[in-house]
Amino acid sequence: MKVKELIELRLTNQGLTSAEFNTCADVVSHFGAMQSQDYSMAKWAVGMRMQNPSDTAIEKSINAGEIIRTHILRPTWHFVHANDIRWMMELSSPNVKKATQYIDKQVGLTDSVFKKAWKVIEAELNRDHNLTKEDLTDRLARKKINAESLLITQILIRAELEMRICNGERKNNKVTYALLDRRVPPSENISRKDALVKLASVYFKSRGPATAKDFAWWSGLSMTDAAFGISGLGSDLKSTSVDGLNYLYFENTQHQKKKVTALLPPYDEYMVGYTEGRDVAFPADIDKSFIGNGIFKPLVLFNNTIAGTWKKVKKDPFVEIEFIDDNKKYSGLNAKVESIKLFLQK
């Protein structure tokens, strides 16, 4: 497989070649989890993959509990489909807890402190379903539990990992929390081994071609667990060597020859879903700092190639673009700018 073909297949699996998904929940289900700490841009990451993208529709889906926003896989926010939250959290939470332990110790959080705080939080959320972090900090203070600043953040993250709480409905454009059991119905338990294989399947169907190390990075799993999940996919998972790396993928001939032009948000899965396999998408000899290493800045994708960065501005034309090469002609981008405008208005 050539680099050009690898990128074409990856764009197809990433849902960027054709906006084929009917609903925002379908998008999130396809990806398993989508990084979402930049909330407004994460909604665009979902919307740009839909047939009829709508910021309002995505917001409604999140408020209704169809899409859950929580800390999972790695210690950062992700969108997860409600049907996947329980098995995926069971699988990934032990690793995320390990990643947060250092800060927990630094701020003096112990198991006994967590349990004491959770008891109060659960009682308050039974009484009032959607409370902000500030609300919960005040409620804890009334019970003589000091949980200012980083303390409350760590307490809430751990409560998410324990599947006690998750996001509630947004209130005055603020994140709120609710009891997970009120938002997400019970689901059938699956074994850890089956979960490893299931997560590997989700990953390579939505992000392949990718390497085993890419999968381990995205999932937060050890290389041993990642290898086990991959081994369970059998002969349906193909492999190819490109520039010295072994890429794994499921065959998919749909839309592969179509050129993609898009305005990608920061932290889009097209970039953040990989580690060693990310570089294959960069133009040759590019200064990665110019594009925020492909993760931290919104990217312009033109004819399957990263062409620059963009940002929202208040004045017309609403989007300001900085190209890597200003001498090239980039046709078709005005339509993408109009798509973002329309998305925010619907």
C-alpha atoms as a PDB file:
ATOM      1  CA  MET A   1       0.000   0.000   0.000  1.00  0.00           C
ATOM      2  CA  LYS A   2       1.294   3.471  -0.901  1.00  0.00           C
ATOM      3  CA  VAL A   3       1.037   6.473   1.437  1.00  0.00           C
ATOM      4  CA  LYS A   4      -1.595   7.998  -0.846  1.00  0.00           C
ATOM      5  CA  GLU A   5      -3.758   4.874  -0.593  1.00  0.00           C
ATOM      6  CA  LEU A   6      -3.276   4.650   3.167  1.00  0.00           C
ATOM      7  CA  ILE A   7      -4.498   8.215   3.623  1.00  0.00           C
ATOM      8  CA  GLU A   8      -7.478   7.615   1.315  1.00  0.00           C
ATOM      9  CA  LEU A   9      -8.549   4.568   3.309  1.00  0.00           C
ATOM     10  CA  ARG A  10      -8.041   6.348   6.626  1.00  0.00           C
ATOM     11  CA  LEU A  11     -10.124   9.322   5.487  1.00  0.00           C
ATOM     12  CA  THR A  12     -12.903   6.944   4.456  1.00  0.00           C
ATOM     13  CA  ASN A  13     -12.900   5.138   7.796  1.00  0.00           C
ATOM     14  CA  GLN A  14     -12.762   8.471   9.599  1.00  0.00           C
ATOM     15  CA  GLY A  15     -16.056   9.486   7.988  1.00  0.00           C
ATOM     16  CA  LEU A  16     -14.426  12.432   6.215  1.00  0.00           C
ATOM     17  CA  THR A  17     -14.688  11.239   2.614  1.00  0.00           C
ATOM     18  CA  SER A  18     -18.482  11.253   2.730  1.00  0.00           C
ATOM     19  CA  ALA A  19     -20.671  12.654   5.497  1.00  0.00           C
ATOM     20  CA  GLU A  20     -22.691   9.445   5.668  1.00  0.00           C
ATOM     21  CA  PHE A  21     -23.999   9.419   9.245  1.00  0.00           C
ATOM     22  CA  ASN A  22     -27.636  10.268   9.873  1.00  0.00           C
ATOM     23  CA  THR A  23     -27.352  11.236  13.541  1.00  0.00           C
ATOM     24  CA  CYS A  24     -24.715  12.535  15.917  1.00  0.00           C
ATOM     25  CA  ALA A  25     -25.158   9.393  18.041  1.00  0.00           C
ATOM     26  CA  ASP A  26     -24.277   7.304  14.962  1.00  0.00           C
ATOM     27  CA  VAL A  27     -21.019   9.254  14.565  1.00  0.00           C
ATOM     28  CA  VAL A  28     -19.982   8.760  18.182  1.00  0.00           C
ATOM     29  CA  SER A  29     -20.956   5.082  18.086  1.00  0.00           C
ATOM     30  CA  HIS A  30     -18.771   4.562  15.008  1.00  0.00           C
ATOM     31  CA  PHE A  31     -15.738   6.076  16.742  1.00  0.00           C
ATOM     32  CA  GLY A  32     -16.308   4.485  20.152  1.00  0.00           C
ATOM     33  CA  ALA A  33     -14.962   7.613  21.832  1.00  0.00           C
ATOM     34  CA  MET A  34     -14.100  11.077  20.484  1.00  0.00           C
ATOM     35  CA  GLN A  35     -11.858  13.478  22.374  1.00  0.00           C
ATOM     36  CA  SER A  36     -13.934  16.471  23.478  1.00  0.00           C
ATOM     37  CA  GLN A  37     -12.202  18.818  25.901  1.00  0.00           C
ATOM     38  CA  ASP A  38     -12.773  21.707  23.459  1.00  0.00           C
ATOM     39  CA  TYR A  39     -16.545  21.396  23.673  1.00  0.00           C
ATOM     40  CA  SER A  40     -17.710  23.601  20.789  1.00  0.00           C
ATOM     41  CA  MET A  41     -15.064  22.261  18.418  1.00  0.00           C
ATOM     42  CA  ALA A  42     -15.775  18.665  19.485  1.00  0.00           C
ATOM     43  CA  LYS A  43     -19.376  19.198  18.422  1.00  0.00           C
ATOM     44  CA  TRP A  44     -18.095  20.341  15.037  1.00  0.00           C
ATOM     45  CA  ALA A  45     -15.949  17.173  14.850  1.00  0.00           C
ATOM     46  CA  VAL A  46     -19.198  15.218  15.151  1.00  0.00           C
ATOM     47  CA  GLY A  47     -21.265  17.516  12.941  1.00  0.00           C
ATOM     48  CA  MET A  48     -18.888  17.600   9.988  1.00  0.00           C
ATOM     49  CA  ARG A  49     -19.357  13.841   9.628  1.00  0.00           C
ATOM     50  CA  MET A  50     -23.179  14.066   9.475  1.00  0.00           C
ATOM     51  CA  GLN A  51     -25.434  14.395   6.429  1.00  0.00           C
ATOM     52  CA  ASN A  52     -27.310  17.302   8.006  1.00  0.00           C
ATOM     53  CA  PRO A  53     -25.073  18.714  10.741  1.00  0.00           C
ATOM     54  CA  SER A  54     -26.686  20.760  13.483  1.00  0.00           C
ATOM     55  CA  ASP A  55     -25.111  22.171  16.631  1.00  0.00           C
ATOM     56  CA  THR A  56     -28.541  22.270  18.252  1.00  0.00           C
ATOM     57  CA  ALA A  57     -29.234  18.608  17.445  1.00  0.00           C
ATOM     58  CA  ILE A  58     -25.925  17.525  18.956  1.00  0.00           C
ATOM     59  CA  GLU A  59     -26.567  19.612  22.074  1.00  0.00           C
ATOM     60  CA  LYS A  60     -29.989  17.972  22.439  1.00  0.00           C
ATOM     61  CA  SER A  61     -28.480  14.505  22.079  1.00  0.00           C
ATOM     62  CA  ILE A  62     -25.946  15.269  24.818  1.00  0.00           C
ATOM     63  CA  ASN A  63     -28.593  16.734  27.114  1.00  0.00           C
ATOM     64  CA  ALA A  64     -30.831  13.715  26.495  1.00  0.00           C
ATOM     65  CA  GLY A  65     -28.066  11.313  27.510  1.00  0.00           C
ATOM     66  CA  GLU A  66     -27.697   9.645  24.096  1.00  0.00           C
ATOM     67  CA  ILE A  67     -24.124  10.921  24.012  1.00  0.00           C
ATOM     68  CA  ILE A  68     -22.180  10.971  27.265  1.00  0.00           C
ATOM     69  CA  ARG A  69     -19.278  13.360  27.850  1.00  0.00           C
ATOM     70  CA  THR A  70     -16.905  11.996  30.445  1.00  0.00           C
ATOM     71  CA  HIS A  71     -13.297  11.116  31.219  1.00  0.00           C
ATOM     72  CA  ILE A  72     -12.520   7.753  29.648  1.00  0.00           C
ATOM     73  CA  LEU A  73      -9.666   5.903  27.868  1.00  0.00           C
ATOM     74  CA  ARG A  74      -7.179   8.638  28.803  1.00  0.00           C
ATOM     75  CA  PRO A  75      -7.500  11.316  31.502  1.00  0.00           C
ATOM     76  CA  THR A  76      -9.324  13.771  29.249  1.00  0.00           C
ATOM     77  CA  TRP A  77     -12.895  14.442  28.119  1.00  0.00           C
ATOM     78  CA  HIS A  78     -14.441  12.201  25.473  1.00  0.00           C
ATOM     79  CA  PHE A  79     -17.837  11.802  23.843  1.00  0.00           C
ATOM     80  CA  VAL A  80     -19.087   8.209  24.211  1.00  0.00           C
ATOM     81  CA  HIS A  81     -22.352   6.635  23.066  1.00  0.00           C
ATOM     82  CA  ALA A  82     -24.589   5.698  25.996  1.00  0.00           C
ATOM     83  CA  ASN A  83     -24.621   2.080  24.807  1.00  0.00           C
ATOM     84  CA  ASP A  84     -20.828   1.896  25.103  1.00  0.00           C
ATOM     85  CA  ILE A  85     -20.112   3.813  28.281  1.00  0.00           C
ATOM     86  CA  ARG A  86     -20.346   0.928  30.750  1.00  0.00           C
ATOM     87  CA  TRP A  87     -18.240  -1.748  29.037  1.00  0.00           C
ATOM     88  CA  MET A  88     -15.701   0.796  27.851  1.00  0.00           C
ATOM     89  CA  MET A  89     -15.364   2.362  31.295  1.00  0.00           C
ATOM     90  CA  GLU A  90     -15.000  -1.040  32.949  1.00  0.00           C
ATOM     91  CA  LEU A  91     -12.137  -1.760  30.582  1.00  0.00           C
ATOM     92  CA  SER A  92     -10.318   1.573  30.661  1.00  0.00           C
ATOM     93  CA  SER A  93     -10.891   3.038  34.135  1.00  0.00           C
ATOM     94  CA  PRO A  94      -8.109   1.113  35.938  1.00  0.00           C
ATOM     95  CA  ASN A  95      -5.542   2.620  33.569  1.00  0.00           C
ATOM     96  CA  VAL A  96      -6.982   6.136  33.832  1.00  0.00           C
ATOM     97  CA  LYS A  97      -6.970   5.883  37.627  1.00  0.00           C
ATOM     98  CA  LYS A  98      -3.267   5.049  37.523  1.00  0.00           C
ATOM     99  CA  ALA A  99      -2.676   8.107  35.358  1.00  0.00           C
ATOM    100  CA  THR A 100      -4.439  10.376  37.879  1.00  0.00           C
ATOM    101  CA  GLN A 101      -2.901   8.898  41.050  1.00  0.00           C
ATOM    102  CA  TYR A 102       0.103  11.229  41.100  1.00  0.00           C
ATOM    103  CA  ILE A 103      -2.077  14.361  41.260  1.00  0.00           C
ATOM    104  CA  ASP A 104      -4.402  12.677  43.763  1.00  0.00           C
ATOM    105  CA  LYS A 105      -1.476  12.121  46.115  1.00  0.00           C
ATOM    106  CA  GLN A 106      -0.152  15.633  45.565  1.00  0.00           C
ATOM    107  CA  VAL A 107      -3.423  17.196  46.713  1.00  0.00           C
ATOM    108  CA  GLY A 108      -3.980  14.734  49.569  1.00  0.00           C
ATOM    109  CA  LEU A 109      -6.822  12.660  48.150  1.00  0.00           C
ATOM    110  CA  THR A 110      -7.164   9.180  49.642  1.00  0.00           C
ATOM    111  CA  ASP A 111      -9.782   6.456  49.249  1.00  0.00           C
ATOM    112  CA  SER A 112     -11.468   7.538  52.477  1.00  0.00           C
ATOM    113  CA  VAL A 113     -11.693  11.164  51.281  1.00  0.00           C
ATOM    114  CA  PHE A 114     -13.099  10.052  47.935  1.00  0.00           C
ATOM    115  CA  LYS A 115     -15.770   7.897  49.576  1.00  0.00           C
ATOM    116  CA  LYS A 116     -16.773  10.645  51.991  1.00  0.00           C
ATOM    117  CA  ALA A 117     -17.097  13.146  49.132  1.00  0.00           C
ATOM    118  CA  TRP A 118     -18.956  10.738  46.870  1.00  0.00           C
ATOM    119  CA  LYS A 119     -21.542  10.041  49.556  1.00  0.00           C
ATOM    120  CA  VAL A 120     -22.374  13.741  49.674  1.00  0.00           C
ATOM    121  CA  ILE A 121     -22.288  14.170  45.893  1.00  0.00           C
ATOM    122  CA  GLU A 122     -24.615  11.224  45.289  1.00  0.00           C
ATOM    123  CA  ALA A 123     -27.076  12.477  47.886  1.00  0.00           C
ATOM    124  CA  GLU A 124     -27.091  15.951  46.351  1.00  0.00           C
ATOM    125  CA  LEU A 125     -27.515  14.631  42.812  1.00  0.00           C
ATOM    126  CA  ASN A 126     -30.408  12.477  43.977  1.00  0.00           C
ATOM    127  CA  ARG A 127     -32.015  15.678  45.158  1.00  0.00           C
ATOM    128  CA  ASP A 128     -31.011  17.974  42.282  1.00  0.00           C
ATOM    129  CA  HIS A 129     -30.251  16.214  39.020  1.00  0.00           C
ATOM    130  CA  ASN A 130     -27.971  18.683  37.214  1.00  0.00           C
ATOM    131  CA  LEU A 131     -25.380  20.434  39.372  1.00  0.00           C
ATOM    132  CA  THR A 132     -22.288  22.320  38.247  1.00  0.00           C
ATOM    133  CA  LYS A 133     -18.837  21.812  39.705  1.00  0.00           C
ATOM    134  CA  GLU A 134     -19.329  25.046  41.650  1.00  0.00           C
ATOM    135  CA  ASP A 135     -22.667  23.778  43.005  1.00  0.00           C
ATOM    136  CA  LEU A 136     -21.057  20.559  44.203  1.00  0.00           C
ATOM    137  CA  THR A 137     -18.122  22.408  45.741  1.00  0.00           C
ATOM    138  CA  ASP A 138     -20.592  24.480  47.786  1.00  0.00           C
ATOM    139  CA  ARG A 139     -22.604  21.404  48.825  1.00  0.00           C
ATOM    140  CA  LEU A 140     -19.424  19.645  49.972  1.00  0.00           C
ATOM    141  CA  ALA A 141     -18.355  22.745  51.925  1.00  0.00           C
ATOM    142  CA  ARG A 142     -21.652  22.643  53.824  1.00  0.00           C
ATOM    143  CA  LYS A 143     -20.652  19.156  54.976  1.00  0.00           C
ATOM    144  CA  LYS A 144     -17.225  20.438  56.090  1.00  0.00           C
ATOM    145  CA  ILE A 145     -15.434  18.926  53.075  1.00  0.00           C
ATOM    146  CA  ASN A 146     -13.010  21.364  51.479  1.00  0.00           C
ATOM    147  CA  ALA A 147     -12.909  20.634  47.750  1.00  0.00           C
ATOM    148  CA  GLU A 148     -11.684  23.825  46.148  1.00  0.00           C
ATOM    149  CA  SER A 149      -9.951  24.052  42.764  1.00  0.00           C
ATOM    150  CA  LEU A 150      -7.995  20.933  41.775  1.00  0.00           C
ATOM    151  CA  LEU A 151      -9.492  18.862  44.602  1.00  0.00           C
ATOM    152  CA  ILE A 152     -13.022  18.956  43.200  1.00  0.00           C
ATOM    153  CA  THR A 153     -11.746  18.247  39.680  1.00  0.00           C
ATOM    154  CA  GLN A 154      -9.965  15.098  40.838  1.00  0.00           C
ATOM    155  CA  ILE A 155     -12.915  13.985  42.980  1.00  0.00           C
ATOM    156  CA  LEU A 156     -15.305  14.327  40.027  1.00  0.00           C
ATOM    157  CA  ILE A 157     -12.976  12.559  37.585  1.00  0.00           C
ATOM    158  CA  ARG A 158     -12.625   9.622  39.960  1.00  0.00           C
ATOM    159  CA  ALA A 159     -16.401   9.522  40.461  1.00  0.00           C
ATOM    160  CA  GLU A 160     -16.785   9.325  36.673  1.00  0.00           C
ATOM    161  CA  LEU A 161     -14.283   6.472  36.518  1.00  0.00           C
ATOM    162  CA  GLU A 162     -16.241   4.656  39.235  1.00  0.00           C
ATOM    163  CA  MET A 163     -19.381   5.109  37.077  1.00  0.00           C
ATOM    164  CA  ARG A 164     -21.111   7.048  39.812  1.00  0.00           C
ATOM    165  CA  ILE A 165     -21.624  10.249  37.794  1.00  0.00           C
ATOM    166  CA  CYS A 166     -21.399  11.606  34.250  1.00  0.00           C
ATOM    167  CA  ASN A 167     -22.346  14.836  32.504  1.00  0.00           C
ATOM    168  CA  GLY A 168     -25.809  16.200  33.046  1.00  0.00           C
ATOM    169  CA  GLU A 169     -27.707  18.770  30.983  1.00  0.00           C
ATOM    170  CA  ARG A 170     -25.759  21.934  30.315  1.00  0.00           C
ATOM    171  CA  LYS A 171     -26.915  24.847  32.456  1.00  0.00           C
ATOM    172  CA  ASN A 172     -26.233  28.423  31.312  1.00  0.00           C
ATOM    173  CA  ASN A 173     -23.536  27.033  29.019  1.00  0.00           C
ATOM    174  CA  LYS A 174     -21.849  25.288  31.946  1.00  0.00           C
ATOM    175  CA  VAL A 175     -21.013  21.615  32.458  1.00  0.00           C
ATOM    176  CA  THR A 176     -23.240  19.887  34.988  1.00  0.00           C
ATOM    177  CA  TYR A 177     -23.097  16.468  36.578  1.00  0.00           C
ATOM    178  CA  ALA A 178     -25.764  13.818  37.104  1.00  0.00           C
ATOM    179  CA  LEU A 179     -25.920  10.274  38.412  1.00  0.00           C
ATOM    180  CA  LEU A 180     -24.863   7.841  35.701  1.00  0.00           C
ATOM    181  CA  ASP A 181     -27.576   5.347  36.643  1.00  0.00           C
ATOM    182  CA  ARG A 182     -30.216   8.013  36.020  1.00  0.00           C
ATOM    183  CA  ARG A 183     -28.797   8.861  32.606  1.00  0.00           C
ATOM    184  CA  VAL A 184     -27.742   5.479  31.265  1.00  0.00           C
ATOM    185  CA  PRO A 185     -29.803   2.279  31.513  1.00  0.00           C
ATOM    186  CA  PRO A 186     -28.110  -0.955  32.676  1.00  0.00           C
ATOM    187  CA  SER A 187     -26.422  -3.044  30.011  1.00  0.00           C
ATOM    188  CA  GLU A 188     -25.235  -6.607  29.694  1.00  0.00           C
ATOM    189  CA  ASN A 189     -21.776  -7.227  31.126  1.00  0.00           C
ATOM    190  CA  ILE A 190     -19.091  -8.472  28.771  1.00  0.00           C
ATOM    191  CA  SER A 191     -15.840 -10.134  29.745  1.00  0.00           C
ATOM    192  CA  ARG A 192     -12.600  -8.185  29.747  1.00  0.00           C
ATOM    193  CA  LYS A 193     -11.233 -10.335  26.919  1.00  0.00           C
ATOM    194  CA  ASP A 194     -14.295  -9.692  24.773  1.00  0.00           C
ATOM    195  CA  ALA A 195     -14.072  -5.981  25.579  1.00  0.00           C
ATOM    196  CA  LEU A 196     -10.449  -5.851  24.394  1.00  0.00           C
ATOM    197  CA  VAL A 197     -11.412  -7.406  21.059  1.00  0.00           C
ATOM    198  CA  LYS A 198     -14.479  -5.186  20.731  1.00  0.00           C
ATOM    199  CA  LEU A 199     -12.457  -2.026  21.366  1.00  0.00           C
ATOM    200  CA  ALA A 200      -9.831  -3.100  18.824  1.00  0.00           C
ATOM    201  CA  SER A 201     -12.573  -3.701  16.255  1.00  0.00           C
ATOM    202  CA  VAL A 202     -14.083  -0.247  16.858  1.00  0.00           C
ATOM    203  CA  TYR A 203     -10.682   1.394  16.597  1.00  0.00           C
ATOM    204  CA  PHE A 204      -9.493  -0.148  13.336  1.00  0.00           C
ATOM    205  CA  LYS A 205     -12.881   0.183  11.643  1.00  0.00           C
ATOM    206  CA  SER A 206     -12.966   3.919  12.421  1.00  0.00           C
ATOM    207  CA  ARG A 207      -9.264   4.821  12.296  1.00  0.00           C
ATOM    208  CA  GLY A 208      -7.413   2.194  10.280  1.00  0.00           C
ATOM    209  CA  PRO A 209      -4.890   1.900   8.768  1.00  0.00           C
ATOM    210  CA  ALA A 210      -3.100   2.356  12.081  1.00  0.00           C
ATOM    211  CA  THR A 211      -0.384   0.604  14.048  1.00  0.00           C
ATOM    212  CA  ALA A 212      -0.663  -1.491  17.195  1.00  0.00           C
ATOM    213  CA  LYS A 213       1.119   1.304  19.062  1.00  0.00           C
ATOM    214  CA  ASP A 214      -1.462   3.793  17.759  1.00  0.00           C
ATOM    215  CA  PHE A 215      -4.232   1.620  19.179  1.00  0.00           C
ATOM    216  CA  ALA A 216      -2.477   1.290  22.543  1.00  0.00           C
ATOM    217  CA  TRP A 217      -2.009   5.083  22.708  1.00  0.00           C
ATOM    218  CA  TRP A 218      -5.612   5.899  21.824  1.00  0.00           C
ATOM    219  CA  SER A 219      -7.111   3.277  24.133  1.00  0.00           C
ATOM    220  CA  GLY A 220      -4.736   3.814  27.056  1.00  0.00           C
ATOM    221  CA  LEU A 221      -4.128   0.049  27.108  1.00  0.00           C
ATOM    222  CA  SER A 222      -0.801  -1.681  27.624  1.00  0.00           C
ATOM    223  CA  MET A 223       0.846  -3.087  24.511  1.00  0.00           C
ATOM    224  CA  THR A 224       0.075  -6.583  25.847  1.00  0.00           C
ATOM    225  CA  ASP A 225      -3.654  -5.847  26.114  1.00  0.00           C
ATOM    226  CA  ALA A 226      -3.649  -4.056  22.766  1.00  0.00           C
ATOM    227  CA  ALA A 227      -1.987  -7.059  21.126  1.00  0.00           C
ATOM    228  CA  PHE A 228      -4.576  -9.394  22.638  1.00  0.00           C
ATOM    229  CA  GLY A 229      -7.431  -7.282  21.290  1.00  0.00           C
ATOM    230  CA  ILE A 230      -5.854  -7.197  17.842  1.00  0.00           C
ATOM    231  CA  SER A 231      -5.254 -10.957  17.832  1.00  0.00           C
ATOM    232  CA  GLY A 232      -8.973 -11.532  18.357  1.00  0.00           C
ATOM    233  CA  LEU A 233      -9.807  -9.845  15.043  1.00  0.00           C
ATOM    234  CA  GLY A 234      -8.360 -12.730  13.059  1.00  0.00           C
ATOM    235  CA  SER A 235      -7.668 -12.741   9.332  1.00  0.00           C
ATOM    236  CA  ASP A 236     -10.219 -10.005   8.578  1.00  0.00           C
ATOM    237  CA  LEU A 237      -7.639  -7.503   9.811  1.00  0.00           C
ATOM    238  CA  LYS A 238      -5.092  -6.924   7.050  1.00  0.00           C
ATOM    239  CA  SER A 239      -1.598  -5.478   7.345  1.00  0.00           C
ATOM    240  CA  THR A 240       0.736  -3.453   5.185  1.00  0.00           C
ATOM    241  CA  SER A 241       4.189  -1.955   5.655  1.00  0.00           C
ATOM    242  CA  VAL A 242       4.630   1.756   4.917  1.00  0.00           C
ATOM    243  CA  ASP A 243       7.864   3.638   5.661  1.00  0.00           C
ATOM    244  CA  GLY A 244       9.000   0.944   8.071  1.00  0.00           C
ATOM    245  CA  LEU A 245       5.783   0.780  10.120  1.00  0.00           C
ATOM    246  CA  ASN A 246       3.237  -2.049  10.099  1.00  0.00           C
ATOM    247  CA  TYR A 247      -0.288  -0.697   9.556  1.00  0.00           C
ATOM    248  CA  LEU A 248      -3.417  -2.721  10.296  1.00  0.00           C
ATOM    249  CA  TYR A 249      -6.763  -2.189   8.591  1.00  0.00           C
ATOM    250  CA  PHE A 250     -10.063  -3.668   7.467  1.00  0.00           C
ATOM    251  CA  GLU A 251     -10.678  -3.578   3.735  1.00  0.00           C
ATOM    252  CA  ASN A 252     -13.105  -0.843   2.667  1.00  0.00           C
ATOM    253  CA  THR A 253     -13.451   0.246  -0.955  1.00  0.00           C
ATOM    254  CA  GLN A 254     -16.242   2.782  -0.416  1.00  0.00           C
ATOM    255  CA  HIS A 255     -15.439   6.431  -1.372  1.00  0.00           C
ATOM    256  CA  GLN A 256     -11.682   5.865  -1.315  1.00  0.00           C
ATOM    257  CA  LYS A 257     -10.901   7.733  -4.536  1.00  0.00           C
ATOM    258  CA  LYS A 258     -12.694  10.923  -3.507  1.00  0.00           C
ATOM    259  CA  LYS A 259     -10.579  13.938  -2.522  1.00  0.00           C
ATOM    260  CA  VAL A 260     -11.379  15.450   0.864  1.00  0.00           C
ATOM    261  CA  THR A 261     -11.348  19.152   1.681  1.00  0.00           C
ATOM    262  CA  ALA A 262     -12.346  20.037   5.233  1.00  0.00           C
ATOM    263  CA  LEU A 263     -11.835  22.382   8.162  1.00  0.00           C
ATOM    264  CA  LEU A 264     -10.810  20.066  10.997  1.00  0.00           C
ATOM    265  CA  PRO A 265     -11.192  21.143  14.631  1.00  0.00           C
ATOM    266  CA  PRO A 266      -8.322  20.849  17.124  1.00  0.00           C
ATOM    267  CA  TYR A 267      -8.066  17.382  18.702  1.00  0.00           C
ATOM    268  CA  ASP A 268      -9.948  15.831  15.802  1.00  0.00           C
ATOM    269  CA  GLU A 269      -9.678  12.045  15.701  1.00  0.00           C
ATOM    270  CA  TYR A 270      -8.001  12.296  12.299  1.00  0.00           C
ATOM    271  CA  MET A 271      -4.936  13.505  14.210  1.00  0.00           C
ATOM    272  CA  VAL A 272      -5.352  12.671  17.903  1.00  0.00           C
ATOM    273  CA  GLY A 273      -6.337   9.060  17.204  1.00  0.00           C
ATOM    274  CA  TYR A 274      -2.711   8.153  16.441  1.00  0.00           C
ATOM    275  CA  THR A 275       0.792   8.487  17.827  1.00  0.00           C
ATOM    276  CA  GLU A 276       3.494   7.015  15.575  1.00  0.00           C
ATOM    277  CA  GLY A 277       1.023   6.689  12.696  1.00  0.00           C
ATOM    278  CA  ARG A 278       0.124  10.390  12.767  1.00  0.00           C
ATOM    279  CA  ASP A 279       3.162  11.557  10.809  1.00  0.00           C
ATOM    280  CA  VAL A 280       2.080   9.777   7.630  1.00  0.00           C
ATOM    281  CA  ALA A 281      -0.620  12.445   7.162  1.00  0.00           C
ATOM    282  CA  PHE A 282       1.839  15.371   7.279  1.00  0.00           C
ATOM    283  CA  PRO A 283       3.272  16.938   4.114  1.00  0.00           C
ATOM    284  CA  ALA A 284       6.991  16.310   3.619  1.00  0.00           C
ATOM    285  CA  ASP A 285       9.408  18.675   5.419  1.00  0.00           C
ATOM    286  CA  ILE A 286       6.613  20.495   7.264  1.00  0.00           C
ATOM    287  CA  ASP A 287       7.337  22.543  10.384  1.00  0.00           C
ATOM    288  CA  LYS A 288       4.959  20.777  12.772  1.00  0.00           C
ATOM    289  CA  SER A 289       5.009  23.698  15.210  1.00  0.00           C
ATOM    290  CA  PHE A 290       3.199  25.772  12.568  1.00  0.00           C
ATOM    291  CA  ILE A 291       0.239  23.406  12.714  1.00  0.00           C
ATOM    292  CA  GLY A 292       0.357  22.699  16.456  1.00  0.00           C
ATOM    293  CA  ASN A 293       1.809  19.247  15.871  1.00  0.00           C
ATOM    294  CA  GLY A 294      -1.420  18.420  14.082  1.00  0.00           C
ATOM    295  CA  ILE A 295      -3.386  18.334  17.357  1.00  0.00           C
ATOM    296  CA  PHE A 296      -3.550  21.691  19.085  1.00  0.00           C
ATOM    297  CA  LYS A 297      -4.696  23.884  16.187  1.00  0.00           C
ATOM    298  CA  PRO A 298      -7.635  23.598  13.779  1.00  0.00           C
ATOM    299  CA  LEU A 299      -6.362  22.267  10.448  1.00  0.00           C
ATOM    300  CA  VAL A 300      -7.209  22.937   6.828  1.00  0.00           C
ATOM    301  CA  LEU A 301      -7.359  19.694   4.870  1.00  0.00           C
ATOM    302  CA  PHE A 302      -7.239  20.289   1.107  1.00  0.00           C
ATOM    303  CA  ASN A 303      -7.417  17.403  -1.384  1.00  0.00           C
ATOM    304  CA  ASN A 304      -6.374  14.931   1.345  1.00  0.00           C
ATOM    305  CA  THR A 305      -3.363  17.062   2.371  1.00  0.00           C
ATOM    306  CA  ILE A 306      -2.849  19.289   5.400  1.00  0.00           C
ATOM    307  CA  ALA A 307      -2.653  22.776   3.864  1.00  0.00           C
ATOM    308  CA  GLY A 308      -2.712  25.143   6.858  1.00  0.00           C
ATOM    309  CA  THR A 309      -4.577  26.234   9.959  1.00  0.00           C
ATOM    310  CA  TRP A 310      -7.768  28.186  10.563  1.00  0.00           C
ATOM    311  CA  LYS A 311      -9.555  30.021  13.343  1.00  0.00           C
ATOM    312  CA  LYS A 312     -12.951  31.561  13.924  1.00  0.00           C
ATOM    313  CA  VAL A 313     -13.187  35.354  13.808  1.00  0.00           C
ATOM    314  CA  LYS A 314     -16.123  37.625  14.556  1.00  0.00           C
ATOM    315  CA  LYS A 315     -15.941  39.580  11.307  1.00  0.00           C
ATOM    316  CA  ASP A 316     -16.585  38.301   7.776  1.00  0.00           C
ATOM    317  CA  PRO A 317     -15.662  35.848   6.331  1.00  0.00           C
ATOM    318  CA  PHE A 318     -16.036  34.253   9.806  1.00  0.00           C
ATOM    319  CA  VAL A 319     -13.009  31.985   9.316  1.00  0.00           C
ATOM    320  CA  GLU A 320      -9.421  33.161   8.957  1.00  0.00           C
ATOM    321  CA  ILE A 321      -7.044  30.755   7.206  1.00  0.00           C
ATOM    322  CA  GLU A 322      -3.252  30.670   7.262  1.00  0.00           C
ATOM    323  CA  PHE A 323      -1.830  28.455   4.530  1.00  0.00           C
ATOM    324  CA  ILE A 324       1.464  26.601   4.594  1.00  0.00           C
ATOM    325  CA  ASP A 325       2.012  27.693   0.976  1.00  0.00           C
ATOM    326  CA  ASP A 326       0.260  30.938   0.036  1.00  0.00           C
ATOM    327  CA  ASN A 327       1.236  30.515  -3.608  1.00  0.00           C
ATOM    328  CA  LYS A 328      -1.136  27.608  -4.194  1.00  0.00           C
ATOM    329  CA  LYS A 329      -4.763  27.953  -5.213  1.00  0.00           C
ATOM    330  CA  TYR A 330      -7.263  26.439  -2.810  1.00  0.00           C
ATOM    331  CA  SER A 331     -10.702  26.207  -4.384  1.00  0.00           C
ATOM    332  CA  GLY A 332     -13.705  24.818  -2.532  1.00  0.00           C
ATOM    333  CA  LEU A 333     -12.884  26.187   0.912  1.00  0.00           C
ATOM    334  CA  ASN A 334     -15.626  28.839   0.847  1.00  0.00           C
ATOM    335  CA  ALA A 335     -18.202  26.046   0.916  1.00  0.00           C
ATOM    336  CA  LYS A 336     -16.577  24.620   4.053  1.00  0.00           C
ATOM    337  CA  VAL A 337     -16.690  28.020   5.756  1.00  0.00           C
ATOM    338  CA  GLU A 338     -20.390  28.272   4.920  1.00  0.00           C
ATOM    339  CA  SER A 339     -20.897  24.780   6.383  1.00  0.00           C
ATOM    340  CA  ILE A 340     -19.548  25.883   9.756  1.00  0.00           C
ATOM    341  CA  LYS A 341     -21.695  29.027   9.694  1.00  0.00           C
ATOM    342  CA  LEU A 342     -24.803  26.977   8.919  1.00  0.00           C
ATOM    343  CA  PHE A 343     -23.892  24.389  11.557  1.00  0.00           C
ATOM    344  CA  LEU A 344     -23.765  27.006  14.302  1.00  0.00           C
ATOM    345  CA  GLN A 345     -27.078  28.499  13.192  1.00  0.00           C
ATOM    346  CA  LYS A 346     -29.100  25.241  13.159  1.00  0.00           C
END
